[in-house]
Amino acid sequence: MYCLIGAEAAIFTIFVVAYLFYIGKSLSGPKPKDVLHPPLFFTVCLLASSLTVHTAVRRLLAGKTAAFALCWLLTIVLGGAFLYGTGREWTRLILQDGLTVSTNLFGTTYYSLVGLHAFHVAMGLLGLITAALFYLTARLRREHVGRLEVLSLYWHFVDAVWVVVFVVVYVIGV
């Protein structure tokens, strides 16, 4: 997992640098300051999900399976809420503001960077849901904590990347 995270961090670094390099170089609008609004609520949801996934793993380690299930489900709901927020933002940007991947350099780099992150959230959710299905079929036990810790590490990485993406896109880039 550390190797995967290292490779993914390199990819995100390239996308972040590209976004920063192309800020303000679009010849036509819309520009970031005209259309971007920080998704604060959905950011809080994603960041809170790091706490819930950590708590879930600790609860399973302690043998508290019901508490594990509740925290794990909450992690899935919070991650799903974040993806919903991203989808809602993209719908507004495309349909109301006319920003697509082919509109200008801002659109290209914005959708590439935020889309890359959304893809990673979706893959993390797929892993979380898979583990939940193992729990629901009584195939997840305390001895599987190590595997869930690895998945939790990935989820924390996705959350940490969002902090960088959020600062670059919604704070620096506006």
N, C-alpha and C. Protein backbone atom coordinates (compact mmCIF):
# COMPACT_ATOMS: atom_id res chain seq x y z
N MET A 1 0.83 -1.19 0.00
CA MET A 1 0.00 0.00 0.00
C MET A 1 0.87 1.25 0.00
N TYR A 2 1.99 1.19 0.71
CA TYR A 2 2.88 2.36 0.72
C TYR A 2 3.43 2.65 -0.67
N CYS A 3 3.73 1.61 -1.42
CA CYS A 3 4.22 1.81 -2.79
C CYS A 3 3.12 2.41 -3.67
N LEU A 4 1.90 1.91 -3.52
CA LEU A 4 0.78 2.47 -4.29
C LEU A 4 0.57 3.93 -3.93
N ILE A 5 0.58 4.23 -2.65
CA ILE A 5 0.39 5.61 -2.21
C ILE A 5 1.51 6.50 -2.73
N GLY A 6 2.74 6.01 -2.72
CA GLY A 6 3.85 6.78 -3.27
C GLY A 6 3.67 7.08 -4.74
N ALA A 7 3.27 6.06 -5.50
CA ALA A 7 3.03 6.26 -6.94
C ALA A 7 1.87 7.21 -7.18
N GLU A 8 0.80 7.05 -6.43
CA GLU A 8 -0.36 7.92 -6.58
C GLU A 8 -0.04 9.35 -6.17
N ALA A 9 0.77 9.50 -5.15
CA ALA A 9 1.19 10.85 -4.73
C ALA A 9 1.97 11.53 -5.85
N ALA A 10 2.80 10.77 -6.55
CA ALA A 10 3.55 11.34 -7.69
C ALA A 10 2.60 11.78 -8.79
N ILE A 11 1.59 10.96 -9.08
CA ILE A 11 0.62 11.32 -10.12
C ILE A 11 -0.14 12.58 -9.71
N PHE A 12 -0.61 12.62 -8.47
CA PHE A 12 -1.32 13.81 -8.01
C PHE A 12 -0.42 15.05 -8.05
N THR A 13 0.84 14.88 -7.73
CA THR A 13 1.77 16.01 -7.78
C THR A 13 1.84 16.57 -9.19
N ILE A 14 1.92 15.70 -10.18
CA ILE A 14 1.95 16.15 -11.58
C ILE A 14 0.69 16.93 -11.92
N PHE A 15 -0.47 16.43 -11.51
CA PHE A 15 -1.73 17.11 -11.81
C PHE A 15 -1.84 18.45 -11.09
N VAL A 16 -1.37 18.49 -9.85
CA VAL A 16 -1.40 19.74 -9.08
C VAL A 16 -0.48 20.78 -9.72
N VAL A 17 0.71 20.36 -10.10
CA VAL A 17 1.65 21.28 -10.74
C VAL A 17 1.07 21.79 -12.06
N ALA A 18 0.46 20.91 -12.83
CA ALA A 18 -0.17 21.33 -14.10
C ALA A 18 -1.27 22.35 -13.83
N TYR A 19 -2.09 22.09 -12.83
CA TYR A 19 -3.17 23.03 -12.50
C TYR A 19 -2.58 24.39 -12.12
N LEU A 20 -1.58 24.38 -11.25
CA LEU A 20 -0.96 25.64 -10.83
C LEU A 20 -0.29 26.36 -12.00
N PHE A 21 0.35 25.59 -12.88
CA PHE A 21 1.04 26.19 -14.03
C PHE A 21 0.06 26.89 -14.96
N TYR A 22 -1.11 26.31 -15.16
CA TYR A 22 -2.07 26.85 -16.13
C TYR A 22 -3.07 27.85 -15.56
N ILE A 23 -3.00 28.12 -14.25
CA ILE A 23 -3.92 29.11 -13.67
C ILE A 23 -3.70 30.45 -14.37
N GLY A 24 -4.79 31.04 -14.81
CA GLY A 24 -4.73 32.36 -15.42
C GLY A 24 -4.27 32.38 -16.86
N LYS A 25 -4.03 31.22 -17.45
CA LYS A 25 -3.54 31.19 -18.83
C LYS A 25 -4.65 30.93 -19.84
N SER A 26 -5.87 30.77 -19.38
CA SER A 26 -6.99 30.57 -20.31
C SER A 26 -7.30 31.88 -21.00
N LEU A 27 -7.49 31.80 -22.31
CA LEU A 27 -7.79 33.00 -23.09
C LEU A 27 -9.27 33.36 -23.04
N SER A 28 -10.08 32.39 -22.68
CA SER A 28 -11.52 32.63 -22.61
C SER A 28 -12.05 32.16 -21.26
N GLY A 29 -13.25 32.59 -20.93
CA GLY A 29 -13.86 32.22 -19.66
C GLY A 29 -14.65 30.95 -19.77
N PRO A 30 -15.24 30.52 -18.69
CA PRO A 30 -15.21 31.16 -17.39
C PRO A 30 -13.88 30.93 -16.67
N LYS A 31 -13.62 31.81 -15.72
CA LYS A 31 -12.42 31.71 -14.90
C LYS A 31 -12.79 31.14 -13.53
N PRO A 32 -11.80 30.59 -12.82
CA PRO A 32 -12.11 29.96 -11.52
C PRO A 32 -12.89 30.87 -10.57
N LYS A 33 -12.49 32.13 -10.45
CA LYS A 33 -13.16 33.03 -9.50
C LYS A 33 -14.63 33.27 -9.87
N ASP A 34 -14.96 33.05 -11.15
CA ASP A 34 -16.32 33.28 -11.60
C ASP A 34 -17.27 32.11 -11.31
N VAL A 35 -16.72 30.91 -11.19
CA VAL A 35 -17.61 29.74 -11.10
C VAL A 35 -17.36 28.81 -9.91
N LEU A 36 -16.21 28.89 -9.27
CA LEU A 36 -15.92 27.96 -8.19
C LEU A 36 -16.40 28.47 -6.84
N HIS A 37 -17.01 27.59 -6.09
CA HIS A 37 -17.45 27.87 -4.73
C HIS A 37 -16.95 26.71 -3.87
N PRO A 38 -16.18 27.00 -2.84
CA PRO A 38 -15.61 25.92 -2.03
C PRO A 38 -16.68 24.99 -1.46
N PRO A 39 -16.56 23.69 -1.72
CA PRO A 39 -17.54 22.73 -1.19
C PRO A 39 -17.25 22.39 0.27
N LEU A 40 -17.50 23.35 1.15
CA LEU A 40 -17.11 23.20 2.55
C LEU A 40 -17.80 22.03 3.24
N PHE A 41 -19.12 21.93 3.08
CA PHE A 41 -19.86 20.86 3.75
C PHE A 41 -19.35 19.48 3.31
N PHE A 42 -19.17 19.31 2.01
CA PHE A 42 -18.73 18.01 1.50
C PHE A 42 -17.27 17.73 1.85
N THR A 43 -16.48 18.78 2.00
CA THR A 43 -15.11 18.62 2.47
C THR A 43 -15.10 18.13 3.91
N VAL A 44 -15.95 18.71 4.75
CA VAL A 44 -16.07 18.27 6.14
C VAL A 44 -16.51 16.80 6.18
N CYS A 45 -17.44 16.43 5.30
CA CYS A 45 -17.87 15.03 5.24
C CYS A 45 -16.69 14.11 4.95
N LEU A 46 -15.90 14.45 3.95
CA LEU A 46 -14.77 13.59 3.59
C LEU A 46 -13.74 13.53 4.70
N LEU A 47 -13.42 14.66 5.27
CA LEU A 47 -12.41 14.67 6.33
C LEU A 47 -12.91 13.93 7.57
N ALA A 48 -14.18 14.05 7.88
CA ALA A 48 -14.76 13.33 9.02
C ALA A 48 -14.71 11.82 8.78
N SER A 49 -14.77 11.42 7.52
CA SER A 49 -14.74 9.98 7.22
C SER A 49 -13.40 9.34 7.58
N SER A 50 -12.35 10.13 7.66
CA SER A 50 -11.06 9.58 8.13
C SER A 50 -11.17 9.18 9.60
N LEU A 51 -11.87 9.99 10.37
CA LEU A 51 -12.08 9.67 11.78
C LEU A 51 -12.95 8.43 11.93
N THR A 52 -14.01 8.35 11.14
CA THR A 52 -14.92 7.21 11.28
C THR A 52 -14.28 5.90 10.83
N VAL A 53 -13.46 5.94 9.76
CA VAL A 53 -12.82 4.69 9.32
C VAL A 53 -11.78 4.25 10.35
N HIS A 54 -11.06 5.19 10.93
CA HIS A 54 -10.08 4.86 11.97
C HIS A 54 -10.79 4.25 13.19
N THR A 55 -11.87 4.88 13.58
CA THR A 55 -12.64 4.39 14.73
C THR A 55 -13.20 3.00 14.45
N ALA A 56 -13.67 2.78 13.23
CA ALA A 56 -14.22 1.47 12.87
C ALA A 56 -13.18 0.37 13.04
N VAL A 57 -12.00 0.61 12.52
CA VAL A 57 -10.93 -0.40 12.62
C VAL A 57 -10.58 -0.66 14.08
N ARG A 58 -10.51 0.39 14.89
CA ARG A 58 -10.21 0.21 16.32
C ARG A 58 -11.31 -0.59 17.00
N ARG A 59 -12.56 -0.35 16.62
CA ARG A 59 -13.68 -1.08 17.23
C ARG A 59 -13.63 -2.56 16.87
N LEU A 60 -13.30 -2.86 15.63
CA LEU A 60 -13.19 -4.27 15.25
C LEU A 60 -12.04 -4.94 16.00
N LEU A 61 -10.94 -4.24 16.14
CA LEU A 61 -9.79 -4.77 16.88
C LEU A 61 -10.18 -5.08 18.32
N ALA A 62 -11.06 -4.25 18.89
CA ALA A 62 -11.51 -4.46 20.27
C ALA A 62 -12.63 -5.50 20.36
N GLY A 63 -13.03 -6.04 19.21
CA GLY A 63 -14.07 -7.06 19.21
C GLY A 63 -15.48 -6.50 19.28
N LYS A 64 -15.63 -5.21 19.08
CA LYS A 64 -16.94 -4.56 19.12
C LYS A 64 -17.48 -4.44 17.70
N THR A 65 -18.06 -5.54 17.23
CA THR A 65 -18.44 -5.61 15.83
C THR A 65 -19.61 -4.68 15.47
N ALA A 66 -20.54 -4.50 16.37
CA ALA A 66 -21.66 -3.60 16.06
C ALA A 66 -21.17 -2.16 15.93
N ALA A 67 -20.28 -1.75 16.82
CA ALA A 67 -19.71 -0.40 16.74
C ALA A 67 -18.87 -0.25 15.48
N PHE A 68 -18.14 -1.32 15.12
CA PHE A 68 -17.39 -1.31 13.86
C PHE A 68 -18.34 -1.06 12.70
N ALA A 69 -19.41 -1.82 12.63
CA ALA A 69 -20.34 -1.73 11.50
C ALA A 69 -20.93 -0.33 11.39
N LEU A 70 -21.29 0.25 12.51
CA LEU A 70 -21.87 1.59 12.50
C LEU A 70 -20.86 2.62 11.97
N CYS A 71 -19.64 2.57 12.46
CA CYS A 71 -18.61 3.52 12.00
C CYS A 71 -18.24 3.28 10.55
N TRP A 72 -18.19 2.01 10.15
CA TRP A 72 -17.83 1.68 8.77
C TRP A 72 -18.92 2.18 7.82
N LEU A 73 -20.18 1.97 8.20
CA LEU A 73 -21.29 2.45 7.38
C LEU A 73 -21.28 3.98 7.31
N LEU A 74 -20.99 4.63 8.41
CA LEU A 74 -20.92 6.09 8.43
C LEU A 74 -19.80 6.58 7.49
N THR A 75 -18.69 5.86 7.45
CA THR A 75 -17.61 6.21 6.53
C THR A 75 -18.10 6.14 5.08
N ILE A 76 -18.82 5.09 4.76
CA ILE A 76 -19.36 4.94 3.41
C ILE A 76 -20.33 6.06 3.09
N VAL A 77 -21.20 6.39 4.03
CA VAL A 77 -22.18 7.47 3.81
C VAL A 77 -21.46 8.81 3.61
N LEU A 78 -20.47 9.09 4.43
CA LEU A 78 -19.73 10.36 4.31
C LEU A 78 -18.96 10.43 3.00
N GLY A 79 -18.32 9.33 2.61
CA GLY A 79 -17.62 9.29 1.32
C GLY A 79 -18.59 9.43 0.16
N GLY A 80 -19.73 8.79 0.28
CA GLY A 80 -20.77 8.92 -0.75
C GLY A 80 -21.31 10.34 -0.84
N ALA A 81 -21.46 10.98 0.30
CA ALA A 81 -21.92 12.38 0.31
C ALA A 81 -20.91 13.26 -0.41
N PHE A 82 -19.62 13.01 -0.19
CA PHE A 82 -18.60 13.79 -0.87
C PHE A 82 -18.70 13.61 -2.38
N LEU A 83 -18.84 12.37 -2.85
CA LEU A 83 -18.97 12.14 -4.29
C LEU A 83 -20.23 12.79 -4.84
N TYR A 84 -21.31 12.74 -4.09
CA TYR A 84 -22.54 13.41 -4.50
C TYR A 84 -22.28 14.91 -4.67
N GLY A 85 -21.57 15.50 -3.72
CA GLY A 85 -21.26 16.93 -3.80
C GLY A 85 -20.42 17.26 -5.01
N THR A 86 -19.45 16.39 -5.33
CA THR A 86 -18.64 16.60 -6.52
C THR A 86 -19.50 16.53 -7.77
N GLY A 87 -20.38 15.55 -7.83
CA GLY A 87 -21.29 15.42 -8.97
C GLY A 87 -22.21 16.61 -9.11
N ARG A 88 -22.70 17.09 -7.99
CA ARG A 88 -23.57 18.27 -8.01
C ARG A 88 -22.82 19.51 -8.51
N GLU A 89 -21.58 19.65 -8.05
CA GLU A 89 -20.77 20.78 -8.49
C GLU A 89 -20.51 20.70 -9.99
N TRP A 90 -20.16 19.52 -10.47
CA TRP A 90 -19.90 19.35 -11.90
C TRP A 90 -21.15 19.62 -12.73
N THR A 91 -22.29 19.18 -12.26
CA THR A 91 -23.54 19.43 -12.98
C THR A 91 -23.77 20.94 -13.11
N ARG A 92 -23.57 21.66 -12.03
CA ARG A 92 -23.74 23.12 -12.08
C ARG A 92 -22.72 23.75 -13.02
N LEU A 93 -21.48 23.33 -12.90
CA LEU A 93 -20.42 23.92 -13.73
C LEU A 93 -20.68 23.67 -15.22
N ILE A 94 -21.14 22.49 -15.55
CA ILE A 94 -21.38 22.16 -16.96
C ILE A 94 -22.65 22.80 -17.48
N LEU A 95 -23.76 22.61 -16.77
CA LEU A 95 -25.05 23.05 -17.28
C LEU A 95 -25.32 24.54 -17.09
N GLN A 96 -24.90 25.12 -15.98
CA GLN A 96 -25.19 26.53 -15.72
C GLN A 96 -24.05 27.45 -16.14
N ASP A 97 -22.82 27.01 -15.88
CA ASP A 97 -21.68 27.89 -16.13
C ASP A 97 -20.96 27.60 -17.44
N GLY A 98 -21.32 26.51 -18.10
CA GLY A 98 -20.72 26.19 -19.39
C GLY A 98 -19.27 25.76 -19.33
N LEU A 99 -18.82 25.28 -18.19
CA LEU A 99 -17.43 24.84 -18.06
C LEU A 99 -17.35 23.35 -18.29
N THR A 100 -16.67 22.96 -19.36
CA THR A 100 -16.43 21.55 -19.65
C THR A 100 -14.93 21.34 -19.74
N VAL A 101 -14.55 20.10 -19.96
CA VAL A 101 -13.13 19.79 -20.07
C VAL A 101 -12.52 20.45 -21.31
N SER A 102 -13.34 20.76 -22.30
CA SER A 102 -12.82 21.35 -23.53
C SER A 102 -13.08 22.86 -23.63
N THR A 103 -13.61 23.48 -22.61
CA THR A 103 -13.91 24.91 -22.64
C THR A 103 -12.64 25.74 -22.71
N ASN A 104 -11.70 25.45 -21.82
CA ASN A 104 -10.45 26.19 -21.75
C ASN A 104 -9.46 25.41 -20.90
N LEU A 105 -8.26 25.97 -20.70
CA LEU A 105 -7.24 25.28 -19.90
C LEU A 105 -7.69 25.07 -18.46
N PHE A 106 -8.42 26.05 -17.92
CA PHE A 106 -8.94 25.89 -16.57
C PHE A 106 -9.86 24.68 -16.49
N GLY A 107 -10.79 24.56 -17.43
CA GLY A 107 -11.71 23.42 -17.43
C GLY A 107 -10.97 22.10 -17.56
N THR A 108 -9.99 22.06 -18.43
CA THR A 108 -9.21 20.84 -18.63
C THR A 108 -8.48 20.43 -17.36
N THR A 109 -7.78 21.37 -16.75
CA THR A 109 -6.99 21.02 -15.57
C THR A 109 -7.87 20.81 -14.34
N TYR A 110 -8.96 21.58 -14.23
CA TYR A 110 -9.88 21.41 -13.09
C TYR A 110 -10.49 20.01 -13.10
N TYR A 111 -11.10 19.64 -14.22
CA TYR A 111 -11.75 18.33 -14.29
C TYR A 111 -10.75 17.19 -14.19
N SER A 112 -9.54 17.39 -14.69
CA SER A 112 -8.52 16.35 -14.59
C SER A 112 -8.12 16.13 -13.14
N LEU A 113 -7.84 17.22 -12.43
CA LEU A 113 -7.39 17.10 -11.04
C LEU A 113 -8.52 16.64 -10.11
N VAL A 114 -9.64 17.31 -10.17
CA VAL A 114 -10.76 16.95 -9.28
C VAL A 114 -11.33 15.59 -9.68
N GLY A 115 -11.34 15.29 -10.98
CA GLY A 115 -11.81 14.00 -11.44
C GLY A 115 -10.91 12.86 -11.00
N LEU A 116 -9.61 13.09 -11.03
CA LEU A 116 -8.67 12.08 -10.55
C LEU A 116 -8.94 11.78 -9.08
N HIS A 117 -9.18 12.83 -8.31
CA HIS A 117 -9.48 12.62 -6.90
C HIS A 117 -10.81 11.89 -6.72
N ALA A 118 -11.83 12.30 -7.46
CA ALA A 118 -13.14 11.65 -7.35
C ALA A 118 -13.04 10.16 -7.71
N PHE A 119 -12.22 9.84 -8.70
CA PHE A 119 -12.01 8.45 -9.07
C PHE A 119 -11.42 7.67 -7.89
N HIS A 120 -10.47 8.27 -7.21
CA HIS A 120 -9.85 7.61 -6.05
C HIS A 120 -10.85 7.45 -4.90
N VAL A 121 -11.70 8.42 -4.70
CA VAL A 121 -12.75 8.29 -3.69
C VAL A 121 -13.68 7.14 -4.06
N ALA A 122 -14.06 7.07 -5.33
CA ALA A 122 -14.96 6.00 -5.79
C ALA A 122 -14.32 4.62 -5.58
N MET A 123 -13.03 4.50 -5.88
CA MET A 123 -12.34 3.22 -5.68
C MET A 123 -12.25 2.88 -4.18
N GLY A 124 -12.02 3.89 -3.36
CA GLY A 124 -12.01 3.68 -1.92
C GLY A 124 -13.37 3.23 -1.42
N LEU A 125 -14.41 3.85 -1.93
CA LEU A 125 -15.77 3.45 -1.55
C LEU A 125 -16.06 2.02 -1.98
N LEU A 126 -15.58 1.64 -3.14
CA LEU A 126 -15.76 0.27 -3.60
C LEU A 126 -15.10 -0.71 -2.61
N GLY A 127 -13.91 -0.38 -2.14
CA GLY A 127 -13.25 -1.21 -1.14
C GLY A 127 -14.01 -1.24 0.17
N LEU A 128 -14.49 -0.09 0.61
CA LEU A 128 -15.26 -0.02 1.86
C LEU A 128 -16.55 -0.82 1.76
N ILE A 129 -17.23 -0.71 0.63
CA ILE A 129 -18.48 -1.46 0.43
C ILE A 129 -18.21 -2.96 0.37
N THR A 130 -17.11 -3.34 -0.27
CA THR A 130 -16.75 -4.76 -0.32
C THR A 130 -16.53 -5.31 1.09
N ALA A 131 -15.81 -4.56 1.91
CA ALA A 131 -15.59 -4.99 3.29
C ALA A 131 -16.91 -5.06 4.05
N ALA A 132 -17.81 -4.11 3.79
CA ALA A 132 -19.12 -4.13 4.45
C ALA A 132 -19.90 -5.38 4.05
N LEU A 133 -19.79 -5.77 2.79
CA LEU A 133 -20.48 -6.98 2.34
C LEU A 133 -19.91 -8.22 3.04
N PHE A 134 -18.60 -8.25 3.24
CA PHE A 134 -18.00 -9.35 3.99
C PHE A 134 -18.53 -9.36 5.42
N TYR A 135 -18.70 -8.18 5.99
CA TYR A 135 -19.26 -8.10 7.35
C TYR A 135 -20.70 -8.63 7.36
N LEU A 136 -21.49 -8.19 6.39
CA LEU A 136 -22.90 -8.59 6.35
C LEU A 136 -23.08 -10.09 6.13
N THR A 137 -22.13 -10.71 5.48
CA THR A 137 -22.21 -12.16 5.25
C THR A 137 -21.43 -12.94 6.31
N ALA A 138 -21.09 -12.27 7.39
CA ALA A 138 -20.40 -12.87 8.54
C ALA A 138 -19.04 -13.47 8.17
N ARG A 139 -18.38 -12.89 7.18
CA ARG A 139 -17.05 -13.36 6.78
C ARG A 139 -15.94 -12.42 7.24
N LEU A 140 -16.30 -11.38 7.95
CA LEU A 140 -15.31 -10.42 8.43
C LEU A 140 -15.15 -10.62 9.93
N ARG A 141 -13.92 -10.90 10.33
CA ARG A 141 -13.65 -11.17 11.74
C ARG A 141 -12.48 -10.32 12.21
N ARG A 142 -12.24 -10.41 13.48
CA ARG A 142 -11.19 -9.62 14.11
C ARG A 142 -9.82 -9.86 13.48
N GLU A 143 -9.57 -11.06 13.02
CA GLU A 143 -8.26 -11.35 12.42
C GLU A 143 -8.06 -10.65 11.06
N HIS A 144 -9.10 -10.04 10.54
CA HIS A 144 -9.00 -9.29 9.28
C HIS A 144 -8.67 -7.81 9.50
N VAL A 145 -8.42 -7.43 10.72
CA VAL A 145 -8.14 -6.02 11.04
C VAL A 145 -6.97 -5.48 10.22
N GLY A 146 -5.94 -6.28 10.04
CA GLY A 146 -4.78 -5.83 9.26
C GLY A 146 -5.15 -5.41 7.86
N ARG A 147 -6.02 -6.16 7.23
CA ARG A 147 -6.47 -5.82 5.87
C ARG A 147 -7.28 -4.53 5.87
N LEU A 148 -8.10 -4.37 6.90
CA LEU A 148 -8.89 -3.14 6.99
C LEU A 148 -8.01 -1.94 7.30
N GLU A 149 -6.94 -2.16 8.03
CA GLU A 149 -6.00 -1.06 8.30
C GLU A 149 -5.34 -0.59 7.00
N VAL A 150 -5.05 -1.52 6.10
CA VAL A 150 -4.47 -1.16 4.80
C VAL A 150 -5.48 -0.33 4.00
N LEU A 151 -6.72 -0.76 3.98
CA LEU A 151 -7.76 0.00 3.29
C LEU A 151 -7.95 1.36 3.95
N SER A 152 -7.89 1.39 5.26
CA SER A 152 -8.00 2.65 6.00
C SER A 152 -6.86 3.59 5.64
N LEU A 153 -5.68 3.05 5.48
CA LEU A 153 -4.52 3.87 5.08
C LEU A 153 -4.76 4.52 3.73
N TYR A 154 -5.30 3.76 2.79
CA TYR A 154 -5.65 4.31 1.47
C TYR A 154 -6.68 5.44 1.62
N TRP A 155 -7.69 5.21 2.46
CA TRP A 155 -8.73 6.22 2.66
C TRP A 155 -8.14 7.50 3.26
N HIS A 156 -7.23 7.37 4.20
CA HIS A 156 -6.57 8.54 4.77
C HIS A 156 -5.77 9.29 3.70
N PHE A 157 -5.12 8.55 2.82
CA PHE A 157 -4.39 9.16 1.72
C PHE A 157 -5.33 9.98 0.84
N VAL A 158 -6.47 9.40 0.49
CA VAL A 158 -7.44 10.10 -0.35
C VAL A 158 -7.91 11.39 0.34
N ASP A 159 -8.11 11.33 1.63
CA ASP A 159 -8.52 12.52 2.38
C ASP A 159 -7.41 13.57 2.41
N ALA A 160 -6.18 13.12 2.63
CA ALA A 160 -5.05 14.06 2.66
C ALA A 160 -4.86 14.72 1.30
N VAL A 161 -5.02 13.95 0.24
CA VAL A 161 -4.91 14.52 -1.11
C VAL A 161 -5.98 15.59 -1.31
N TRP A 162 -7.18 15.35 -0.78
CA TRP A 162 -8.24 16.34 -0.94
C TRP A 162 -7.85 17.68 -0.30
N VAL A 163 -7.18 17.63 0.83
CA VAL A 163 -6.75 18.88 1.48
C VAL A 163 -5.87 19.66 0.52
N VAL A 164 -4.95 19.00 -0.14
CA VAL A 164 -4.07 19.67 -1.11
C VAL A 164 -4.88 20.18 -2.29
N VAL A 165 -5.73 19.32 -2.84
CA VAL A 165 -6.55 19.72 -4.00
C VAL A 165 -7.44 20.90 -3.63
N PHE A 166 -8.06 20.84 -2.47
CA PHE A 166 -8.94 21.92 -2.03
C PHE A 166 -8.18 23.24 -1.95
N VAL A 167 -7.01 23.22 -1.32
CA VAL A 167 -6.22 24.45 -1.18
C VAL A 167 -5.80 24.97 -2.56
N VAL A 168 -5.34 24.08 -3.42
CA VAL A 168 -4.87 24.50 -4.75
C VAL A 168 -6.02 25.03 -5.59
N VAL A 169 -7.14 24.34 -5.62
CA VAL A 169 -8.25 24.71 -6.52
C VAL A 169 -9.11 25.84 -5.95
N TYR A 170 -9.47 25.75 -4.67
CA TYR A 170 -10.46 26.67 -4.12
C TYR A 170 -9.87 27.84 -3.34
N VAL A 171 -8.59 27.78 -3.00
CA VAL A 171 -7.97 28.87 -2.25
C VAL A 171 -6.94 29.59 -3.12
N ILE A 172 -5.91 28.87 -3.56
CA ILE A 172 -4.86 29.50 -4.36
C ILE A 172 -5.34 29.84 -5.77
N GLY A 173 -6.07 28.90 -6.36
CA GLY A 173 -6.44 29.04 -7.78
C GLY A 173 -7.61 29.95 -8.08
N VAL A 174 -8.18 30.56 -7.10
CA VAL A 174 -9.37 31.39 -7.36
C VAL A 174 -9.00 32.85 -7.53
